[in-house]
C-alpha atoms as a PDB file:
ATOM      1  CA  MET A   1     134.877 102.659 104.389  1.00  0.00           C
ATOM      2  CA  THR A   2     131.986 100.454 106.495  1.00  0.00           C
ATOM      3  CA  ARG A   3     130.396 104.042 107.480  1.00  0.00           C
ATOM      4  CA  LEU A   4     130.960 105.153 104.175  1.00  0.00           C
ATOM      5  CA  ILE A   5     128.946 102.608 102.390  1.00  0.00           C
ATOM      6  CA  LEU A   6     126.277 102.608 105.706  1.00  0.00           C
ATOM      7  CA  ALA A   7     125.649 106.161 105.095  1.00  0.00           C
ATOM      8  CA  LEU A   8     124.870 105.741 101.333  1.00  0.00           C
ATOM      9  CA  LEU A   9     122.707 102.608 101.711  1.00  0.00           C
ATOM     10  CA  LEU A  10     120.436 104.050 104.434  1.00  0.00           C
ATOM     11  CA  PRO A  11     118.734 106.730 102.145  1.00  0.00           C
ATOM     12  CA  ALA A  12     118.221 103.574  99.623  1.00  0.00           C
ATOM     13  CA  PHE A  13     116.172 100.987 102.567  1.00  0.00           C
ATOM     14  CA  SER A  14     114.402 104.502 103.197  1.00  0.00           C
ATOM     15  CA  LEU A  15     113.201 105.147 100.402  1.00  0.00           C
ATOM     16  CA  THR A  16     112.085 101.186  99.712  1.00  0.00           C
ATOM     17  CA  ALA A  17     110.990 100.781 102.996  1.00  0.00           C
ATOM     18  CA  CYS A  18     108.325 104.223 102.211  1.00  0.00           C
ATOM     19  CA  GLY A  19     107.566 102.957  98.571  1.00  0.00           C
ATOM     20  CA  PRO A  20     104.844 101.839  96.659  1.00  0.00           C
ATOM     21  CA  LYS A  21     102.607  98.861  97.514  1.00  0.00           C
ATOM     22  CA  ASN A  22     101.166  96.380  95.466  1.00  0.00           C
ATOM     23  CA  ARG A  23      98.695  95.052  96.208  1.00  0.00           C
ATOM     24  CA  VAL A  24      95.247  92.130  94.191  1.00  0.00           C
ATOM     25  CA  ALA A  25      92.459  93.947  92.542  1.00  0.00           C
ATOM     26  CA  ILE A  26      89.269  92.692  92.033  1.00  0.00           C
ATOM     27  CA  THR A  27      88.269  93.449  88.668  1.00  0.00           C
ATOM     28  CA  PRO A  28      84.165  93.520  89.508  1.00  0.00           C
ATOM     29  CA  VAL A  29      82.491  91.394  86.654  1.00  0.00           C
ATOM     30  CA  GLY A  30      80.524  94.523  85.245  1.00  0.00           C
ATOM     31  CA  TYR A  31      83.927  96.140  84.572  1.00  0.00           C
ATOM     32  CA  ALA A  32      84.770  92.883  82.669  1.00  0.00           C
ATOM     33  CA  ALA A  33      81.806  91.757  80.521  1.00  0.00           C
ATOM     34  CA  ALA A  34      81.399  95.559  79.172  1.00  0.00           C
ATOM     35  CA  ARG A  35      80.965  96.226  75.999  1.00  0.00           C
ATOM     36  CA  THR A  36      81.005  98.448  73.137  1.00  0.00           C
ATOM     37  CA  ALA A  37      78.592 100.405  70.384  1.00  0.00           C
ATOM     38  CA  THR A  38      77.989 102.885  68.635  1.00  0.00           C
ATOM     39  CA  LEU A  39      75.312 105.790  69.577  1.00  0.00           C
ATOM     40  CA  ASN A  40      73.584 104.648  66.816  1.00  0.00           C
ATOM     41  CA  GLU A  41      73.496 100.160  67.766  1.00  0.00           C
ATOM     42  CA  LEU A  42      72.172 101.533  70.908  1.00  0.00           C
ATOM     43  CA  ILE A  43      69.552 104.003  70.110  1.00  0.00           C
ATOM     44  CA  GLU A  44      68.288 100.739  67.394  1.00  0.00           C
ATOM     45  CA  HIS A  45      68.060  98.330  70.484  1.00  0.00           C
ATOM     46  CA  VAL A  46      66.339 100.678  73.058  1.00  0.00           C
ATOM     47  CA  ASN A  47      63.693 101.210  70.218  1.00  0.00           C
ATOM     48  CA  ARG A  48      63.810  97.874  69.323  1.00  0.00           C
ATOM     49  CA  HIS A  49      63.772  96.101  72.761  1.00  0.00           C
ATOM     50  CA  TYR A  50      61.494  98.936  74.807  1.00  0.00           C
ATOM     51  CA  GLY A  51      60.287 101.160  72.421  1.00  0.00           C
ATOM     52  CA  GLY A  52      58.514  98.737  70.088  1.00  0.00           C
ATOM     53  CA  ILE A  53      56.196  98.495  73.021  1.00  0.00           C
ATOM     54  CA  GLU A  54      53.060  99.600  71.990  1.00  0.00           C
ATOM     55  CA  ALA A  55      50.393  97.819  74.810  1.00  0.00           C
ATOM     56  CA  LEU A  56      51.226  96.726  78.135  1.00  0.00           C
ATOM     57  CA  SER A  57      48.811  94.991  80.514  1.00  0.00           C
ATOM     58  CA  VAL A  58      49.828  93.911  84.032  1.00  0.00           C
ATOM     59  CA  SER A  59      46.942  91.956  85.611  1.00  0.00           C
ATOM     60  CA  ARG A  60      48.416  91.900  89.306  1.00  0.00           C
ATOM     61  CA  PHE A  61      51.169  94.294  90.630  1.00  0.00           C
ATOM     62  CA  GLN A  62      52.159  95.692  94.424  1.00  0.00           C
ATOM     63  CA  VAL A  63      52.457  99.144  94.651  1.00  0.00           C
ATOM     64  CA  LYS A  64      54.490 101.131  97.299  1.00  0.00           C
ATOM     65  CA  PHE A  65      53.411 105.206  97.837  1.00  0.00           C
ATOM     66  CA  THR A  66      55.369 107.646  99.806  1.00  0.00           C
ATOM     67  CA  GLY A  67      54.905 111.302  99.688  1.00  0.00           C
ATOM     68  CA  GLY A  68      57.525 114.624 100.866  1.00  0.00           C
ATOM     69  CA  SER A  69      61.188 114.126 100.127  1.00  0.00           C
ATOM     70  CA  ILE A  70      64.146 115.660 102.204  1.00  0.00           C
ATOM     71  CA  GLU A  71      63.739 118.635 100.263  1.00  0.00           C
ATOM     72  CA  ALA A  72      60.375 119.058 101.310  1.00  0.00           C
ATOM     73  CA  GLY A  73      60.892 118.779 105.056  1.00  0.00           C
ATOM     74  CA  TYR A  74      58.522 115.284 105.690  1.00  0.00           C
ATOM     75  CA  LEU A  75      57.635 111.756 104.368  1.00  0.00           C
ATOM     76  CA  LYS A  76      54.448 110.256 104.083  1.00  0.00           C
ATOM     77  CA  GLU A  77      54.360 106.449 103.741  1.00  0.00           C
ATOM     78  CA  TYR A  78      51.551 104.739 103.031  1.00  0.00           C
ATOM     79  CA  PRO A  79      50.727 100.924 102.754  1.00  0.00           C
ATOM     80  CA  SER A  80      52.055  98.546 100.302  1.00  0.00           C
ATOM     81  CA  ALA A  81      48.886  97.994  98.216  1.00  0.00           C
ATOM     82  CA  LYS A  82      48.129  95.780  95.024  1.00  0.00           C
ATOM     83  CA  GLY A  83      46.633  96.604  91.668  1.00  0.00           C
ATOM     84  CA  HIS A  84      46.065  96.321  87.962  1.00  0.00           C
ATOM     85  CA  LEU A  85      46.915  98.925  84.918  1.00  0.00           C
ATOM     86  CA  VAL A  86      47.079  98.588  81.063  1.00  0.00           C
ATOM     87  CA  THR A  87      48.944 101.553  79.206  1.00  0.00           C
ATOM     88  CA  LYS A  88      49.313 102.212  75.233  1.00  0.00           C
ATOM     89  CA  ARG A  89      50.408 104.406  73.301  1.00  0.00           C
ATOM     90  CA  PRO A  90      51.171 107.553  72.644  1.00  0.00           C
ATOM     91  CA  ASN A  91      49.433 108.692  75.962  1.00  0.00           C
ATOM     92  CA  TRP A  92      47.305 106.645  77.719  1.00  0.00           C
ATOM     93  CA  ILE A  93      47.404 104.699  80.842  1.00  0.00           C
ATOM     94  CA  TYR A  94      44.542 103.570  83.079  1.00  0.00           C
ATOM     95  CA  VAL A  95      45.669 102.445  86.871  1.00  0.00           C
ATOM     96  CA  ASN A  96      43.521 100.887  89.965  1.00  0.00           C
ATOM     97  CA  ILE A  97      45.097 100.438  93.033  1.00  0.00           C
ATOM     98  CA  LEU A  98      43.669  98.132  95.713  1.00  0.00           C
ATOM     99  CA  ASN A  99      43.617  97.634  99.337  1.00  0.00           C
ATOM    100  CA  PRO A 100      45.145  95.177  99.922  1.00  0.00           C
ATOM    101  CA  VAL A 101      43.329  93.354 102.183  1.00  0.00           C
ATOM    102  CA  THR A 102      39.431  94.303 100.512  1.00  0.00           C
ATOM    103  CA  SER A 103      40.148  94.467  97.382  1.00  0.00           C
ATOM    104  CA  SER A 104      37.999  97.469  96.986  1.00  0.00           C
ATOM    105  CA  SER A 105      39.851 100.553  95.312  1.00  0.00           C
ATOM    106  CA  VAL A 106      41.882 103.017  96.763  1.00  0.00           C
ATOM    107  CA  VAL A 107      42.559 104.853  94.286  1.00  0.00           C
ATOM    108  CA  THR A 108      42.063 104.942  89.981  1.00  0.00           C
ATOM    109  CA  MET A 109      43.630 106.941  88.035  1.00  0.00           C
ATOM    110  CA  ALA A 110      43.293 107.650  83.350  1.00  0.00           C
ATOM    111  CA  SER A 111      45.167 109.803  81.032  1.00  0.00           C
ATOM    112  CA  ASN A 112      44.133 110.427  77.279  1.00  0.00           C
ATOM    113  CA  SER A 113      46.766 113.049  75.457  1.00  0.00           C
ATOM    114  CA  ARG A 114      44.685 115.544  76.737  1.00  0.00           C
ATOM    115  CA  GLU A 115      42.604 114.834  80.250  1.00  0.00           C
ATOM    116  CA  PHE A 116      43.366 113.059  83.355  1.00  0.00           C
ATOM    117  CA  GLN A 117      40.363 111.866  85.905  1.00  0.00           C
ATOM    118  CA  ILE A 118      41.733 110.549  89.456  1.00  0.00           C
ATOM    119  CA  TRP A 119      38.682 109.314  91.624  1.00  0.00           C
ATOM    120  CA  VAL A 120      39.487 108.637  95.613  1.00  0.00           C
ATOM    121  CA  PRO A 121      36.515 107.076  97.207  1.00  0.00           C
ATOM    122  CA  HIS A 122      37.771 107.050 101.073  1.00  0.00           C
ATOM    123  CA  GLU A 123      37.616 110.924 100.350  1.00  0.00           C
ATOM    124  CA  ASN A 124      34.649 111.219  98.052  1.00  0.00           C
ATOM    125  CA  LYS A 125      36.652 113.171  95.765  1.00  0.00           C
ATOM    126  CA  TYR A 126      36.993 113.438  91.399  1.00  0.00           C
ATOM    127  CA  LEU A 127      40.241 115.016  90.016  1.00  0.00           C
ATOM    128  CA  THR A 128      40.235 116.271  86.662  1.00  0.00           C
ATOM    129  CA  GLY A 129      42.250 118.948  84.871  1.00  0.00           C
ATOM    130  CA  LYS A 130      44.457 119.157  81.733  1.00  0.00           C
ATOM    131  CA  THR A 131      47.885 116.619  81.671  1.00  0.00           C
ATOM    132  CA  ASP A 132      50.184 119.228  80.984  1.00  0.00           C
ATOM    133  CA  ILE A 133      49.269 121.346  84.415  1.00  0.00           C
ATOM    134  CA  ARG A 134      51.954 121.328  86.777  1.00  0.00           C
ATOM    135  CA  THR A 135      51.273 121.315  90.455  1.00  0.00           C
ATOM    136  CA  SER A 136      52.454 120.679  93.920  1.00  0.00           C
ATOM    137  CA  SER A 137      49.253 119.862  96.297  1.00  0.00           C
ATOM    138  CA  LYS A 138      50.059 119.772 100.283  1.00  0.00           C
ATOM    139  CA  GLU A 139      48.289 115.837 100.284  1.00  0.00           C
ATOM    140  CA  PRO A 140      50.686 113.868  98.104  1.00  0.00           C
ATOM    141  CA  LEU A 141      48.091 111.456  96.522  1.00  0.00           C
ATOM    142  CA  HIS A 142      46.605 113.961  94.924  1.00  0.00           C
ATOM    143  CA  SER A 143      49.687 115.319  93.205  1.00  0.00           C
ATOM    144  CA  VAL A 144      50.024 111.993  91.189  1.00  0.00           C
ATOM    145  CA  ARG A 145      49.860 112.409  87.595  1.00  0.00           C
ATOM    146  CA  PRO A 146      49.256 109.590  85.480  1.00  0.00           C
ATOM    147  CA  GLU A 147      50.769 110.699  82.522  1.00  0.00           C
ATOM    148  CA  HIS A 148      54.186 110.536  84.859  1.00  0.00           C
ATOM    149  CA  LEU A 149      53.091 106.983  85.641  1.00  0.00           C
ATOM    150  CA  LEU A 150      53.111 106.071  81.905  1.00  0.00           C
ATOM    151  CA  GLN A 151      56.331 107.893  80.828  1.00  0.00           C
ATOM    152  CA  ALA A 152      57.800 105.303  83.591  1.00  0.00           C
ATOM    153  CA  ILE A 153      56.394 102.022  82.260  1.00  0.00           C
ATOM    154  CA  LEU A 154      56.077 102.469  78.821  1.00  0.00           C
ATOM    155  CA  VAL A 155      59.991 103.500  77.379  1.00  0.00           C
ATOM    156  CA  GLU A 156      59.436 105.987  74.658  1.00  0.00           C
ATOM    157  CA  PRO A 157      61.130 105.063  71.821  1.00  0.00           C
ATOM    158  CA  LEU A 158      64.517 108.081  70.268  1.00  0.00           C
ATOM    159  CA  HIS A 159      63.581 109.892  67.316  1.00  0.00           C
ATOM    160  CA  LEU A 160      66.607 110.128  65.335  1.00  0.00           C
ATOM    161  CA  SER A 161      64.711 112.117  62.920  1.00  0.00           C
ATOM    162  CA  ARG A 162      62.843 114.121  64.473  1.00  0.00           C
ATOM    163  CA  SER A 163      63.439 117.856  64.376  1.00  0.00           C
ATOM    164  CA  GLY A 164      64.961 119.630  66.571  1.00  0.00           C
ATOM    165  CA  THR A 165      66.400 116.514  68.584  1.00  0.00           C
ATOM    166  CA  VAL A 166      69.868 115.804  68.768  1.00  0.00           C
ATOM    167  CA  HIS A 167      71.205 112.803  70.779  1.00  0.00           C
ATOM    168  CA  LEU A 168      74.657 112.001  72.858  1.00  0.00           C
ATOM    169  CA  LEU A 169      77.043 109.892  74.490  1.00  0.00           C
ATOM    170  CA  GLU A 170      78.339 109.886  77.734  1.00  0.00           C
ATOM    171  CA  GLU A 171      80.201 106.957  79.045  1.00  0.00           C
ATOM    172  CA  ALA A 172      80.251 106.688  83.071  1.00  0.00           C
ATOM    173  CA  GLN A 173      80.187 103.959  85.727  1.00  0.00           C
ATOM    174  CA  ASP A 174      79.750 103.348  89.529  1.00  0.00           C
ATOM    175  CA  ARG A 175      81.513 100.798  91.753  1.00  0.00           C
ATOM    176  CA  GLN A 176      80.240  97.803  89.800  1.00  0.00           C
ATOM    177  CA  ARG A 177      78.575  98.296  86.313  1.00  0.00           C
ATOM    178  CA  LYS A 178      79.748 100.765  83.583  1.00  0.00           C
ATOM    179  CA  PHE A 179      76.699 102.035  81.676  1.00  0.00           C
ATOM    180  CA  TYR A 180      76.478 104.013  78.741  1.00  0.00           C
ATOM    181  CA  VAL A 181      74.140 107.316  78.758  1.00  0.00           C
ATOM    182  CA  ILE A 182      71.833 108.356  75.756  1.00  0.00           C
ATOM    183  CA  HIS A 183      71.226 112.582  76.359  1.00  0.00           C
ATOM    184  CA  GLU A 184      68.064 113.243  75.015  1.00  0.00           C
ATOM    185  CA  VAL A 185      68.614 117.308  73.774  1.00  0.00           C
ATOM    186  CA  SER A 186      66.080 119.967  72.154  1.00  0.00           C
ATOM    187  CA  ILE A 187      66.875 122.598  70.052  1.00  0.00           C
ATOM    188  CA  GLU A 188      64.541 125.172  69.429  1.00  0.00           C
ATOM    189  CA  GLY A 189      64.601 127.084  66.243  1.00  0.00           C
ATOM    190  CA  SER A 190      67.947 128.456  65.224  1.00  0.00           C
ATOM    191  CA  THR A 191      69.518 128.940  68.726  1.00  0.00           C
ATOM    192  CA  PRO A 192      72.973 127.097  69.170  1.00  0.00           C
ATOM    193  CA  GLN A 193      71.419 126.284  72.738  1.00  0.00           C
ATOM    194  CA  GLY A 194      70.358 123.438  73.505  1.00  0.00           C
ATOM    195  CA  CYS A 195      67.961 121.678  76.114  1.00  0.00           C
ATOM    196  CA  LEU A 196      68.405 118.344  78.335  1.00  0.00           C
ATOM    197  CA  ARG A 197      65.264 116.810  77.898  1.00  0.00           C
ATOM    198  CA  ARG A 198      66.082 112.852  79.156  1.00  0.00           C
ATOM    199  CA  LYS A 199      68.414 110.441  80.369  1.00  0.00           C
ATOM    200  CA  LEU A 200      68.794 106.665  79.348  1.00  0.00           C
ATOM    201  CA  TRP A 201      71.110 104.511  81.445  1.00  0.00           C
ATOM    202  CA  LEU A 202      71.972 101.163  80.103  1.00  0.00           C
ATOM    203  CA  GLU A 203      74.454  98.924  81.708  1.00  0.00           C
ATOM    204  CA  ARG A 204      77.301  97.690  79.288  1.00  0.00           C
ATOM    205  CA  GLN A 205      77.038  93.598  80.336  1.00  0.00           C
ATOM    206  CA  ASN A 206      73.708  92.988  78.338  1.00  0.00           C
ATOM    207  CA  PHE A 207      72.456  97.011  77.093  1.00  0.00           C
ATOM    208  CA  VAL A 208      69.826  96.602  79.823  1.00  0.00           C
ATOM    209  CA  LEU A 209      67.986  99.770  80.620  1.00  0.00           C
ATOM    210  CA  MET A 210      69.040 100.612  84.086  1.00  0.00           C
ATOM    211  CA  ARG A 211      67.530 104.323  84.733  1.00  0.00           C
ATOM    212  CA  GLN A 212      65.784 107.231  83.137  1.00  0.00           C
ATOM    213  CA  GLN A 213      65.358 110.407  83.733  1.00  0.00           C
ATOM    214  CA  TYR A 214      63.407 113.407  83.076  1.00  0.00           C
ATOM    215  CA  TYR A 215      63.687 116.876  82.844  1.00  0.00           C
ATOM    216  CA  ASP A 216      62.823 120.192  81.667  1.00  0.00           C
ATOM    217  CA  CYS A 217      66.015 121.846  79.963  1.00  0.00           C
ATOM    218  CA  GLY A 218      68.217 120.520  82.537  1.00  0.00           C
ATOM    219  CA  LYS A 219      66.003 120.418  85.634  1.00  0.00           C
ATOM    220  CA  LEU A 220      65.377 117.302  86.646  1.00  0.00           C
ATOM    221  CA  LEU A 221      61.931 116.214  86.820  1.00  0.00           C
ATOM    222  CA  SER A 222      61.639 112.002  86.635  1.00  0.00           C
ATOM    223  CA  ASP A 223      63.701 109.747  88.127  1.00  0.00           C
ATOM    224  CA  ILE A 224      62.930 105.927  87.357  1.00  0.00           C
ATOM    225  CA  HIS A 225      65.388 103.445  88.775  1.00  0.00           C
ATOM    226  CA  TYR A 226      64.232  99.951  86.916  1.00  0.00           C
ATOM    227  CA  THR A 227      65.294  95.918  88.129  1.00  0.00           C
ATOM    228  CA  GLY A 228      64.726  93.198  87.103  1.00  0.00           C
ATOM    229  CA  GLU A 229      63.236  92.452  82.796  1.00  0.00           C
ATOM    230  CA  VAL A 230      60.616  90.274  81.655  1.00  0.00           C
ATOM    231  CA  VAL A 231      61.692  89.569  78.314  1.00  0.00           C
ATOM    232  CA  SER A 232      59.347  87.908  75.397  1.00  0.00           C
ATOM    233  CA  GLU A 233      59.783  87.923  71.912  1.00  0.00           C
ATOM    234  CA  GLN A 234      57.534  91.130  71.345  1.00  0.00           C
ATOM    235  CA  GLY A 235      59.610  93.655  73.800  1.00  0.00           C
ATOM    236  CA  SER A 236      61.159  93.885  77.416  1.00  0.00           C
ATOM    237  CA  VAL A 237      59.517  94.802  80.084  1.00  0.00           C
ATOM    238  CA  THR A 238      61.452  95.971  84.255  1.00  0.00           C
ATOM    239  CA  SER A 239      59.508  94.029  86.689  1.00  0.00           C
ATOM    240  CA  SER A 240      60.702  96.123  89.481  1.00  0.00           C
ATOM    241  CA  ILE A 241      59.539 100.089  89.013  1.00  0.00           C
ATOM    242  CA  SER A 242      61.183 102.803  90.862  1.00  0.00           C
ATOM    243  CA  MET A 243      59.531 106.641  90.359  1.00  0.00           C
ATOM    244  CA  GLU A 244      60.622 109.595  92.431  1.00  0.00           C
ATOM    245  CA  ARG A 245      58.672 113.266  90.976  1.00  0.00           C
ATOM    246  CA  ILE A 246      61.051 115.973  92.245  1.00  0.00           C
ATOM    247  CA  PRO A 247      58.522 118.882  91.686  1.00  0.00           C
ATOM    248  CA  GLU A 248      55.779 116.465  93.268  1.00  0.00           C
ATOM    249  CA  HIS A 249      57.277 114.937  96.682  1.00  0.00           C
ATOM    250  CA  TYR A 250      56.499 111.812  95.779  1.00  0.00           C
ATOM    251  CA  ARG A 251      58.388 108.602  94.934  1.00  0.00           C
ATOM    252  CA  ILE A 252      55.656 105.116  93.776  1.00  0.00           C
ATOM    253  CA  GLN A 253      57.361 101.901  93.319  1.00  0.00           C
ATOM    254  CA  PHE A 254      55.723  99.337  91.296  1.00  0.00           C
ATOM    255  CA  TRP A 255      56.601  95.360  91.262  1.00  0.00           C
ATOM    256  CA  PHE A 256      55.252  93.618  88.299  1.00  0.00           C
ATOM    257  CA  GLN A 257      54.076  89.711  88.784  1.00  0.00           C
ATOM    258  CA  ARG A 258      55.742  87.244  86.460  1.00  0.00           C
ATOM    259  CA  GLY A 259      53.333  85.437  84.265  1.00  0.00           C
ATOM    260  CA  LYS A 260      50.518  89.150  84.920  1.00  0.00           C
ATOM    261  CA  VAL A 261      52.469  91.193  82.574  1.00  0.00           C
ATOM    262  CA  HIS A 262      50.856  90.927  78.747  1.00  0.00           C
ATOM    263  CA  LEU A 263      52.856  93.015  76.023  1.00  0.00           C
ATOM    264  CA  ASN A 264      50.391  94.527  72.686  1.00  0.00           C
ATOM    265  CA  ARG A 265      46.700  93.336  73.541  1.00  0.00           C
ATOM    266  CA  MET A 266      44.094  95.408  71.844  1.00  0.00           C
ATOM    267  CA  VAL A 267      42.263  97.941  74.294  1.00  0.00           C
ATOM    268  CA  GLU A 268      40.040 100.317  73.838  1.00  0.00           C
ATOM    269  CA  ASP A 269      39.928 103.930  73.990  1.00  0.00           C
ATOM    270  CA  SER A 270      37.027 103.615  76.735  1.00  0.00           C
ATOM    271  CA  SER A 271      39.148 101.687  78.949  1.00  0.00           C
ATOM    272  CA  PHE A 272      41.136 105.302  79.241  1.00  0.00           C
ATOM    273  CA  PHE A 273      38.471 107.015  81.142  1.00  0.00           C
ATOM    274  CA  ILE A 274      36.612 107.412  84.805  1.00  0.00           C
ATOM    275  CA  PRO A 275      32.925 108.918  84.682  1.00  0.00           C
ATOM    276  CA  LYS A 276      32.380 110.734  87.586  1.00  0.00           C
ATOM    277  CA  PRO A 277      30.598 108.694  90.239  1.00  0.00           C
ATOM    278  CA  PRO A 278      27.834 109.882  91.723  1.00  0.00           C
ATOM    279  CA  ARG A 279      27.414 112.277  94.402  1.00  0.00           C
ATOM    280  CA  ALA A 280      31.743 112.627  94.679  1.00  0.00           C
ATOM    281  CA  GLU A 281      33.121 115.810  95.436  1.00  0.00           C
ATOM    282  CA  VAL A 282      34.588 117.534  91.664  1.00  0.00           C
ATOM    283  CA  VAL A 283      37.954 119.419  91.530  1.00  0.00           C
ATOM    284  CA  ILE A 284      39.404 121.061  89.048  1.00  0.00           C
ATOM    285  CA  VAL A 285      43.203 120.677  89.104  1.00  0.00           C
ATOM    286  CA  GLU A 286      44.631 124.224  87.974  1.00  0.00           C
ATOM    287  CA  GLY A 287      47.763 125.229  88.332  1.00  0.00           C
ATOM    288  CA  ALA A 288      50.741 128.442  86.862  1.00  0.00           C
ATOM    289  CA  GLY A 289      53.102 125.781  85.405  1.00  0.00           C
ATOM    290  CA  VAL A 290      53.406 124.164  82.028  1.00  0.00           C
ATOM    291  CA  GLU A 291      54.283 120.527  82.066  1.00  0.00           C
ATOM    292  CA  ASP A 292      57.839 120.089  79.617  1.00  0.00           C
ATOM    293  CA  ASN A 293      56.426 117.131  76.363  1.00  0.00           C
END
């Protein structure tokens, strides 16, 4: 009888020893504090807090530029610099990057809806061309386009009424936060197919914009990350921006100094043009591709 009882109990003990173990799982704060919202509520939030800014001026920022990428097979890091910038909707931007020691211009860039100018004093080169031209230069600094910086700094509104544009909502998460991801899709003509144009990542605790991605019909062009916000009654501006341009193989990072950011100040259109310096070498930038707007 004893042997029979042991024979019956031993398998039960074996199953118990090999069974699941309970462990305490700590829920991340970003998970526990995640809120819900509808697509229309999120679009309204983006347009009110980010898309409602008409003009932005930053009298002092730090900037870090890196050319190349893993895909390109090289990296070229430039020293950190300082500078100032001004932008206004719809397509205007002026950026002056200065030597941190001498305060002389390292590169000056300007753009409107049609043309851009880039002045590189130490090379005595004045580059100009159409804003929709896409090129890949061997010199990383020459591949920077002011309008790409504008996309990162002034967040485009989401237009619900724009013909040929639809918005989709996705939920996502990492190890710390939950996100809502708004997809902006362009649909042309009567075709049922669409092209992914943009994604906006909003964390779900306070619906702060954390990331923005621009696409050319699904092909990634810009990957922009945001941290830290400067909030005012006129809107929200991110104090730290990191943008990677995939086709041109460069990354640029901005850190805006608090107290040096001003919203919706009047700016004359003439501020967004760089006249050609005397005796500068003029480089007309041309390319085979056209940027997807």
